[in-house]
Amino acid sequence: MPRTSSKPDDLTAIHARREELRAELAQLEQRAKEVETAARDAGRPVLVAALDRIKIAAIDKTDARVIATAISTHGGKLVAAHLATLQTA
């Protein structure tokens, strides 16, 4: 013979708990989004600090965006490795 549940089936309580869980899930989604955004921009302070120590000739805004996009798309390691293959004058 199956055991009966010690908790009565209360539809109102079930709906209330579901809403609590949805609210908690929404909070977790927001926190995850904030953490992902921070992770995508985590390299900026290091790059800016490095740029502050080096003299850079005039650069076109379009070129600066291309470089920044390449870092964002391919990662700093790959872009740095490619730049290291260029000959210095």
PDB file of N, CA and C in Angstrom:
ATOM      1  N   MET A   1       0.845  -1.177   0.000  1.00  0.00           N
ATOM      2  CA  MET A   1       0.000   0.000   0.000  1.00  0.00           C
ATOM      3  C   MET A   1       0.894   1.245   0.000  1.00  0.00           C
ATOM      4  N   PRO A   2       0.657   2.190  -0.934  1.00  0.00           N
ATOM      5  CA  PRO A   2       1.489   3.388  -1.012  1.00  0.00           C
ATOM      6  C   PRO A   2       1.288   4.292   0.195  1.00  0.00           C
ATOM      7  N   ARG A   3       2.391   4.943   0.539  1.00  0.00           N
ATOM      8  CA  ARG A   3       2.332   5.868   1.676  1.00  0.00           C
ATOM      9  C   ARG A   3       1.690   7.172   1.232  1.00  0.00           C
ATOM     10  N   THR A   4       0.968   7.756   2.106  1.00  0.00           N
ATOM     11  CA  THR A   4       0.381   9.056   1.801  1.00  0.00           C
ATOM     12  C   THR A   4       1.386  10.145   2.138  1.00  0.00           C
ATOM     13  N   SER A   5       1.323  11.217   1.389  1.00  0.00           N
ATOM     14  CA  SER A   5       2.242  12.328   1.583  1.00  0.00           C
ATOM     15  C   SER A   5       1.930  13.022   2.900  1.00  0.00           C
ATOM     16  N   SER A   6       2.989  13.434   3.584  1.00  0.00           N
ATOM     17  CA  SER A   6       2.791  14.165   4.836  1.00  0.00           C
ATOM     18  C   SER A   6       2.393  15.611   4.556  1.00  0.00           C
ATOM     19  N   LYS A   7       2.590  16.064   3.320  1.00  0.00           N
ATOM     20  CA  LYS A   7       2.228  17.421   2.937  1.00  0.00           C
ATOM     21  C   LYS A   7       0.936  17.360   2.117  1.00  0.00           C
ATOM     22  N   PRO A   8      -0.035  18.098   2.504  1.00  0.00           N
ATOM     23  CA  PRO A   8      -1.275  18.083   1.725  1.00  0.00           C
ATOM     24  C   PRO A   8      -1.078  18.801   0.395  1.00  0.00           C
ATOM     25  N   ASP A   9      -1.819  18.386  -0.609  1.00  0.00           N
ATOM     26  CA  ASP A   9      -1.756  19.042  -1.900  1.00  0.00           C
ATOM     27  C   ASP A   9      -2.508  20.364  -1.801  1.00  0.00           C
ATOM     28  N   ASP A  10      -1.758  21.443  -1.828  1.00  0.00           N
ATOM     29  CA  ASP A  10      -2.342  22.777  -1.721  1.00  0.00           C
ATOM     30  C   ASP A  10      -1.933  23.548  -2.966  1.00  0.00           C
ATOM     31  N   LEU A  11      -2.850  23.698  -3.904  1.00  0.00           N
ATOM     32  CA  LEU A  11      -2.556  24.332  -5.177  1.00  0.00           C
ATOM     33  C   LEU A  11      -2.081  25.766  -5.004  1.00  0.00           C
ATOM     34  N   THR A  12      -2.634  26.480  -4.054  1.00  0.00           N
ATOM     35  CA  THR A  12      -2.219  27.862  -3.804  1.00  0.00           C
ATOM     36  C   THR A  12      -0.757  27.905  -3.364  1.00  0.00           C
ATOM     37  N   ALA A  13      -0.372  26.996  -2.492  1.00  0.00           N
ATOM     38  CA  ALA A  13       1.016  26.945  -2.017  1.00  0.00           C
ATOM     39  C   ALA A  13       1.965  26.564  -3.151  1.00  0.00           C
ATOM     40  N   ILE A  14       1.526  25.674  -4.005  1.00  0.00           N
ATOM     41  CA  ILE A  14       2.351  25.263  -5.136  1.00  0.00           C
ATOM     42  C   ILE A  14       2.583  26.447  -6.075  1.00  0.00           C
ATOM     43  N   HIS A  15       1.538  27.187  -6.380  1.00  0.00           N
ATOM     44  CA  HIS A  15       1.677  28.350  -7.249  1.00  0.00           C
ATOM     45  C   HIS A  15       2.571  29.419  -6.612  1.00  0.00           C
ATOM     46  N   ALA A  16       2.415  29.617  -5.323  1.00  0.00           N
ATOM     47  CA  ALA A  16       3.239  30.606  -4.629  1.00  0.00           C
ATOM     48  C   ALA A  16       4.715  30.200  -4.678  1.00  0.00           C
ATOM     49  N   ARG A  17       4.975  28.921  -4.438  1.00  0.00           N
ATOM     50  CA  ARG A  17       6.364  28.431  -4.466  1.00  0.00           C
ATOM     51  C   ARG A  17       6.942  28.552  -5.867  1.00  0.00           C
ATOM     52  N   ARG A  18       6.137  28.276  -6.876  1.00  0.00           N
ATOM     53  CA  ARG A  18       6.586  28.394  -8.263  1.00  0.00           C
ATOM     54  C   ARG A  18       6.989  29.835  -8.558  1.00  0.00           C
ATOM     55  N   GLU A  19       6.203  30.785  -8.099  1.00  0.00           N
ATOM     56  CA  GLU A  19       6.524  32.197  -8.322  1.00  0.00           C
ATOM     57  C   GLU A  19       7.805  32.602  -7.593  1.00  0.00           C
ATOM     58  N   GLU A  20       7.993  32.067  -6.381  1.00  0.00           N
ATOM     59  CA  GLU A  20       9.232  32.332  -5.634  1.00  0.00           C
ATOM     60  C   GLU A  20      10.434  31.808  -6.419  1.00  0.00           C
ATOM     61  N   LEU A  21      10.299  30.606  -6.971  1.00  0.00           N
ATOM     62  CA  LEU A  21      11.388  30.013  -7.739  1.00  0.00           C
ATOM     63  C   LEU A  21      11.652  30.791  -9.026  1.00  0.00           C
ATOM     64  N   ARG A  22      10.604  31.264  -9.674  1.00  0.00           N
ATOM     65  CA  ARG A  22      10.783  32.078 -10.878  1.00  0.00           C
ATOM     66  C   ARG A  22      11.516  33.383 -10.552  1.00  0.00           C
ATOM     67  N   ALA A  23      11.161  33.988  -9.438  1.00  0.00           N
ATOM     68  CA  ALA A  23      11.830  35.231  -9.024  1.00  0.00           C
ATOM     69  C   ALA A  23      13.300  34.955  -8.719  1.00  0.00           C
ATOM     70  N   GLU A  24      13.571  33.849  -8.040  1.00  0.00           N
ATOM     71  CA  GLU A  24      14.957  33.489  -7.722  1.00  0.00           C
ATOM     72  C   GLU A  24      15.732  33.206  -9.001  1.00  0.00           C
ATOM     73  N   LEU A  25      15.112  32.514  -9.940  1.00  0.00           N
ATOM     74  CA  LEU A  25      15.761  32.223 -11.217  1.00  0.00           C
ATOM     75  C   LEU A  25      16.054  33.519 -11.981  1.00  0.00           C
ATOM     76  N   ALA A  26      15.141  34.462 -11.958  1.00  0.00           N
ATOM     77  CA  ALA A  26      15.362  35.747 -12.615  1.00  0.00           C
ATOM     78  C   ALA A  26      16.552  36.477 -11.992  1.00  0.00           C
ATOM     79  N   GLN A  27      16.672  36.418 -10.672  1.00  0.00           N
ATOM     80  CA  GLN A  27      17.813  37.035  -9.991  1.00  0.00           C
ATOM     81  C   GLN A  27      19.118  36.353 -10.391  1.00  0.00           C
ATOM     82  N   LEU A  28      19.094  35.028 -10.473  1.00  0.00           N
ATOM     83  CA  LEU A  28      20.291  34.284 -10.876  1.00  0.00           C
ATOM     84  C   LEU A  28      20.675  34.618 -12.310  1.00  0.00           C
ATOM     85  N   GLU A  29      19.692  34.737 -13.186  1.00  0.00           N
ATOM     86  CA  GLU A  29      19.963  35.104 -14.578  1.00  0.00           C
ATOM     87  C   GLU A  29      20.610  36.485 -14.645  1.00  0.00           C
ATOM     88  N   GLN A  30      20.131  37.423 -13.858  1.00  0.00           N
ATOM     89  CA  GLN A  30      20.698  38.770 -13.840  1.00  0.00           C
ATOM     90  C   GLN A  30      22.128  38.756 -13.327  1.00  0.00           C
ATOM     91  N   ARG A  31      22.369  38.009 -12.251  1.00  0.00           N
ATOM     92  CA  ARG A  31      23.731  37.907 -11.714  1.00  0.00           C
ATOM     93  C   ARG A  31      24.665  37.263 -12.726  1.00  0.00           C
ATOM     94  N   ALA A  32      24.191  36.214 -13.414  1.00  0.00           N
ATOM     95  CA  ALA A  32      25.009  35.545 -14.424  1.00  0.00           C
ATOM     96  C   ALA A  32      25.361  36.515 -15.547  1.00  0.00           C
ATOM     97  N   LYS A  33      24.395  37.317 -15.964  1.00  0.00           N
ATOM     98  CA  LYS A  33      24.629  38.294 -17.018  1.00  0.00           C
ATOM     99  C   LYS A  33      25.686  39.316 -16.584  1.00  0.00           C
ATOM    100  N   GLU A  34      25.596  39.776 -15.334  1.00  0.00           N
ATOM    101  CA  GLU A  34      26.575  40.736 -14.820  1.00  0.00           C
ATOM    102  C   GLU A  34      27.973  40.130 -14.765  1.00  0.00           C
ATOM    103  N   VAL A  35      28.065  38.887 -14.328  1.00  0.00           N
ATOM    104  CA  VAL A  35      29.369  38.217 -14.240  1.00  0.00           C
ATOM    105  C   VAL A  35      29.951  37.997 -15.639  1.00  0.00           C
ATOM    106  N   GLU A  36      29.106  37.595 -16.592  1.00  0.00           N
ATOM    107  CA  GLU A  36      29.576  37.398 -17.963  1.00  0.00           C
ATOM    108  C   GLU A  36      30.061  38.710 -18.567  1.00  0.00           C
ATOM    109  N   THR A  37      29.354  39.779 -18.306  1.00  0.00           N
ATOM    110  CA  THR A  37      29.759  41.090 -18.815  1.00  0.00           C
ATOM    111  C   THR A  37      31.104  41.495 -18.222  1.00  0.00           C
ATOM    112  N   ALA A  38      31.261  41.295 -16.930  1.00  0.00           N
ATOM    113  CA  ALA A  38      32.531  41.630 -16.269  1.00  0.00           C
ATOM    114  C   ALA A  38      33.666  40.767 -16.811  1.00  0.00           C
ATOM    115  N   ALA A  39      33.392  39.495 -17.065  1.00  0.00           N
ATOM    116  CA  ALA A  39      34.431  38.595 -17.575  1.00  0.00           C
ATOM    117  C   ALA A  39      34.867  39.000 -18.983  1.00  0.00           C
ATOM    118  N   ARG A  40      33.911  39.462 -19.793  1.00  0.00           N
ATOM    119  CA  ARG A  40      34.256  39.878 -21.155  1.00  0.00           C
ATOM    120  C   ARG A  40      35.139  41.116 -21.154  1.00  0.00           C
ATOM    121  N   ASP A  41      35.100  41.916 -20.101  1.00  0.00           N
ATOM    122  CA  ASP A  41      35.857  43.161 -20.044  1.00  0.00           C
ATOM    123  C   ASP A  41      37.002  43.096 -19.032  1.00  0.00           C
ATOM    124  N   ALA A  42      37.333  41.908 -18.567  1.00  0.00           N
ATOM    125  CA  ALA A  42      38.338  41.765 -17.510  1.00  0.00           C
ATOM    126  C   ALA A  42      39.744  42.173 -17.957  1.00  0.00           C
ATOM    127  N   GLY A  43      40.040  42.100 -19.235  1.00  0.00           N
ATOM    128  CA  GLY A  43      41.383  42.426 -19.711  1.00  0.00           C
ATOM    129  C   GLY A  43      41.627  43.902 -19.938  1.00  0.00           C
ATOM    130  N   ARG A  44      40.578  44.701 -19.909  1.00  0.00           N
ATOM    131  CA  ARG A  44      40.720  46.132 -20.208  1.00  0.00           C
ATOM    132  C   ARG A  44      41.729  46.836 -19.299  1.00  0.00           C
ATOM    133  N   PRO A  45      41.669  46.692 -17.975  1.00  0.00           N
ATOM    134  CA  PRO A  45      42.628  47.428 -17.128  1.00  0.00           C
ATOM    135  C   PRO A  45      44.081  47.063 -17.427  1.00  0.00           C
ATOM    136  N   VAL A  46      44.334  45.813 -17.742  1.00  0.00           N
ATOM    137  CA  VAL A  46      45.707  45.384 -18.037  1.00  0.00           C
ATOM    138  C   VAL A  46      46.174  46.008 -19.343  1.00  0.00           C
ATOM    139  N   LEU A  47      45.309  45.979 -20.359  1.00  0.00           N
ATOM    140  CA  LEU A  47      45.678  46.560 -21.648  1.00  0.00           C
ATOM    141  C   LEU A  47      45.877  48.069 -21.538  1.00  0.00           C
ATOM    142  N   VAL A  48      44.986  48.749 -20.853  1.00  0.00           N
ATOM    143  CA  VAL A  48      45.105  50.203 -20.699  1.00  0.00           C
ATOM    144  C   VAL A  48      46.386  50.548 -19.928  1.00  0.00           C
ATOM    145  N   ALA A  49      46.713  49.781 -18.904  1.00  0.00           N
ATOM    146  CA  ALA A  49      47.949  50.029 -18.149  1.00  0.00           C
ATOM    147  C   ALA A  49      49.169  49.848 -19.046  1.00  0.00           C
ATOM    148  N   ALA A  50      49.146  48.825 -19.890  1.00  0.00           N
ATOM    149  CA  ALA A  50      50.266  48.604 -20.810  1.00  0.00           C
ATOM    150  C   ALA A  50      50.363  49.736 -21.825  1.00  0.00           C
ATOM    151  N   LEU A  51      49.212  50.180 -22.326  1.00  0.00           N
ATOM    152  CA  LEU A  51      49.218  51.269 -23.297  1.00  0.00           C
ATOM    153  C   LEU A  51      49.706  52.576 -22.673  1.00  0.00           C
ATOM    154  N   ASP A  52      49.446  52.765 -21.401  1.00  0.00           N
ATOM    155  CA  ASP A  52      49.896  53.985 -20.718  1.00  0.00           C
ATOM    156  C   ASP A  52      51.415  54.045 -20.623  1.00  0.00           C
ATOM    157  N   ARG A  53      52.087  52.913 -20.666  1.00  0.00           N
ATOM    158  CA  ARG A  53      53.543  52.880 -20.510  1.00  0.00           C
ATOM    159  C   ARG A  53      54.284  52.985 -21.844  1.00  0.00           C
ATOM    160  N   ILE A  54      53.553  52.944 -22.954  1.00  0.00           N
ATOM    161  CA  ILE A  54      54.184  52.904 -24.272  1.00  0.00           C
ATOM    162  C   ILE A  54      53.752  54.114 -25.084  1.00  0.00           C
ATOM    163  N   LYS A  55      54.708  54.705 -25.786  1.00  0.00           N
ATOM    164  CA  LYS A  55      54.376  55.811 -26.677  1.00  0.00           C
ATOM    165  C   LYS A  55      53.780  55.231 -27.953  1.00  0.00           C
ATOM    166  N   ILE A  56      52.649  55.795 -28.355  1.00  0.00           N
ATOM    167  CA  ILE A  56      51.946  55.302 -29.530  1.00  0.00           C
ATOM    168  C   ILE A  56      51.768  56.463 -30.501  1.00  0.00           C
ATOM    169  N   ALA A  57      52.182  56.248 -31.737  1.00  0.00           N
ATOM    170  CA  ALA A  57      52.010  57.284 -32.772  1.00  0.00           C
ATOM    171  C   ALA A  57      50.519  57.468 -33.028  1.00  0.00           C
ATOM    172  N   ALA A  58      50.203  58.526 -33.753  1.00  0.00           N
ATOM    173  CA  ALA A  58      48.807  58.808 -34.071  1.00  0.00           C
ATOM    174  C   ALA A  58      48.166  57.578 -34.715  1.00  0.00           C
ATOM    175  N   ILE A  59      46.928  57.331 -34.322  1.00  0.00           N
ATOM    176  CA  ILE A  59      46.213  56.174 -34.847  1.00  0.00           C
ATOM    177  C   ILE A  59      44.799  56.603 -35.202  1.00  0.00           C
ATOM    178  N   ASP A  60      44.332  56.108 -36.309  1.00  0.00           N
ATOM    179  CA  ASP A  60      42.982  56.398 -36.785  1.00  0.00           C
ATOM    180  C   ASP A  60      41.973  55.677 -35.885  1.00  0.00           C
ATOM    181  N   LYS A  61      40.828  56.306 -35.666  1.00  0.00           N
ATOM    182  CA  LYS A  61      39.784  55.713 -34.812  1.00  0.00           C
ATOM    183  C   LYS A  61      39.333  54.359 -35.371  1.00  0.00           C
ATOM    184  N   THR A  62      39.250  54.256 -36.676  1.00  0.00           N
ATOM    185  CA  THR A  62      38.840  52.999 -37.309  1.00  0.00           C
ATOM    186  C   THR A  62      39.857  51.900 -37.023  1.00  0.00           C
ATOM    187  N   ASP A  63      41.137  52.232 -37.135  1.00  0.00           N
ATOM    188  CA  ASP A  63      42.184  51.242 -36.851  1.00  0.00           C
ATOM    189  C   ASP A  63      42.141  50.803 -35.387  1.00  0.00           C
ATOM    190  N   ALA A  64      41.909  51.756 -34.494  1.00  0.00           N
ATOM    191  CA  ALA A  64      41.820  51.419 -33.071  1.00  0.00           C
ATOM    192  C   ALA A  64      40.662  50.457 -32.817  1.00  0.00           C
ATOM    193  N   ARG A  65      39.534  50.703 -33.482  1.00  0.00           N
ATOM    194  CA  ARG A  65      38.383  49.798 -33.324  1.00  0.00           C
ATOM    195  C   ARG A  65      38.677  48.413 -33.882  1.00  0.00           C
ATOM    196  N   VAL A  66      39.370  48.361 -35.016  1.00  0.00           N
ATOM    197  CA  VAL A  66      39.714  47.069 -35.612  1.00  0.00           C
ATOM    198  C   VAL A  66      40.596  46.278 -34.661  1.00  0.00           C
ATOM    199  N   ILE A  67      41.570  46.948 -34.067  1.00  0.00           N
ATOM    200  CA  ILE A  67      42.462  46.279 -33.115  1.00  0.00           C
ATOM    201  C   ILE A  67      41.673  45.798 -31.894  1.00  0.00           C
ATOM    202  N   ALA A  68      40.837  46.659 -31.354  1.00  0.00           N
ATOM    203  CA  ALA A  68      40.033  46.283 -30.186  1.00  0.00           C
ATOM    204  C   ALA A  68      39.085  45.138 -30.515  1.00  0.00           C
ATOM    205  N   THR A  69      38.480  45.178 -31.705  1.00  0.00           N
ATOM    206  CA  THR A  69      37.575  44.102 -32.110  1.00  0.00           C
ATOM    207  C   THR A  69      38.328  42.795 -32.277  1.00  0.00           C
ATOM    208  N   ALA A  70      39.526  42.861 -32.828  1.00  0.00           N
ATOM    209  CA  ALA A  70      40.332  41.647 -32.980  1.00  0.00           C
ATOM    210  C   ALA A  70      40.652  41.030 -31.625  1.00  0.00           C
ATOM    211  N   ILE A  71      40.985  41.863 -30.651  1.00  0.00           N
ATOM    212  CA  ILE A  71      41.261  41.362 -29.305  1.00  0.00           C
ATOM    213  C   ILE A  71      40.011  40.738 -28.716  1.00  0.00           C
ATOM    214  N   SER A  72      38.882  41.409 -28.904  1.00  0.00           N
ATOM    215  CA  SER A  72      37.616  40.907 -28.371  1.00  0.00           C
ATOM    216  C   SER A  72      37.213  39.593 -29.027  1.00  0.00           C
ATOM    217  N   THR A  73      37.404  39.508 -30.331  1.00  0.00           N
ATOM    218  CA  THR A  73      36.979  38.330 -31.085  1.00  0.00           C
ATOM    219  C   THR A  73      37.930  37.150 -30.916  1.00  0.00           C
ATOM    220  N   HIS A  74      39.229  37.407 -31.053  1.00  0.00           N
ATOM    221  CA  HIS A  74      40.206  36.316 -31.082  1.00  0.00           C
ATOM    222  C   HIS A  74      40.955  36.108 -29.771  1.00  0.00           C
ATOM    223  N   GLY A  75      40.847  37.067 -28.872  1.00  0.00           N
ATOM    224  CA  GLY A  75      41.561  36.955 -27.602  1.00  0.00           C
ATOM    225  C   GLY A  75      42.924  37.611 -27.683  1.00  0.00           C
ATOM    226  N   GLY A  76      43.364  38.106 -26.558  1.00  0.00           N
ATOM    227  CA  GLY A  76      44.630  38.818 -26.493  1.00  0.00           C
ATOM    228  C   GLY A  76      45.831  37.967 -26.861  1.00  0.00           C
ATOM    229  N   LYS A  77      45.794  36.696 -26.480  1.00  0.00           N
ATOM    230  CA  LYS A  77      46.934  35.810 -26.723  1.00  0.00           C
ATOM    231  C   LYS A  77      47.181  35.632 -28.228  1.00  0.00           C
ATOM    232  N   LEU A  78      46.136  35.366 -28.985  1.00  0.00           N
ATOM    233  CA  LEU A  78      46.284  35.161 -30.417  1.00  0.00           C
ATOM    234  C   LEU A  78      46.694  36.453 -31.122  1.00  0.00           C
ATOM    235  N   VAL A  79      46.076  37.567 -30.752  1.00  0.00           N
ATOM    236  CA  VAL A  79      46.428  38.853 -31.367  1.00  0.00           C
ATOM    237  C   VAL A  79      47.879  39.212 -31.027  1.00  0.00           C
ATOM    238  N   ALA A  80      48.285  39.003 -29.806  1.00  0.00           N
ATOM    239  CA  ALA A  80      49.670  39.296 -29.410  1.00  0.00           C
ATOM    240  C   ALA A  80      50.644  38.404 -30.176  1.00  0.00           C
ATOM    241  N   ALA A  81      50.300  37.135 -30.341  1.00  0.00           N
ATOM    242  CA  ALA A  81      51.178  36.223 -31.084  1.00  0.00           C
ATOM    243  C   ALA A  81      51.302  36.674 -32.532  1.00  0.00           C
ATOM    244  N   HIS A  82      50.206  37.106 -33.118  1.00  0.00           N
ATOM    245  CA  HIS A  82      50.255  37.572 -34.502  1.00  0.00           C
ATOM    246  C   HIS A  82      51.072  38.867 -34.597  1.00  0.00           C
ATOM    247  N   LEU A  83      50.856  39.770 -33.686  1.00  0.00           N
ATOM    248  CA  LEU A  83      51.608  41.023 -33.701  1.00  0.00           C
ATOM    249  C   LEU A  83      53.101  40.783 -33.495  1.00  0.00           C
ATOM    250  N   ALA A  84      53.436  39.775 -32.722  1.00  0.00           N
ATOM    251  CA  ALA A  84      54.849  39.466 -32.472  1.00  0.00           C
ATOM    252  C   ALA A  84      55.557  39.010 -33.754  1.00  0.00           C
ATOM    253  N   THR A  85      54.798  38.521 -34.738  1.00  0.00           N
ATOM    254  CA  THR A  85      55.421  38.077 -35.990  1.00  0.00           C
ATOM    255  C   THR A  85      55.745  39.248 -36.910  1.00  0.00           C
ATOM    256  N   LEU A  86      55.198  40.433 -36.627  1.00  0.00           N
ATOM    257  CA  LEU A  86      55.497  41.587 -37.458  1.00  0.00           C
ATOM    258  C   LEU A  86      56.912  42.074 -37.199  1.00  0.00           C
ATOM    259  N   GLN A  87      57.589  42.527 -38.240  1.00  0.00           N
ATOM    260  CA  GLN A  87      58.938  43.034 -38.073  1.00  0.00           C
ATOM    261  C   GLN A  87      58.891  44.459 -37.546  1.00  0.00           C
ATOM    262  N   THR A  88      59.786  44.780 -36.635  1.00  0.00           N
ATOM    263  CA  THR A  88      59.854  46.151 -36.110  1.00  0.00           C
ATOM    264  C   THR A  88      60.841  46.932 -36.953  1.00  0.00           C
ATOM    265  N   ALA A  89      60.558  48.201 -37.106  1.00  0.00           N
ATOM    266  CA  ALA A  89      61.428  49.046 -37.939  1.00  0.00           C
ATOM    267  C   ALA A  89      62.610  49.541 -37.167  1.00  0.00           C
TER     268      ALA A  89
END
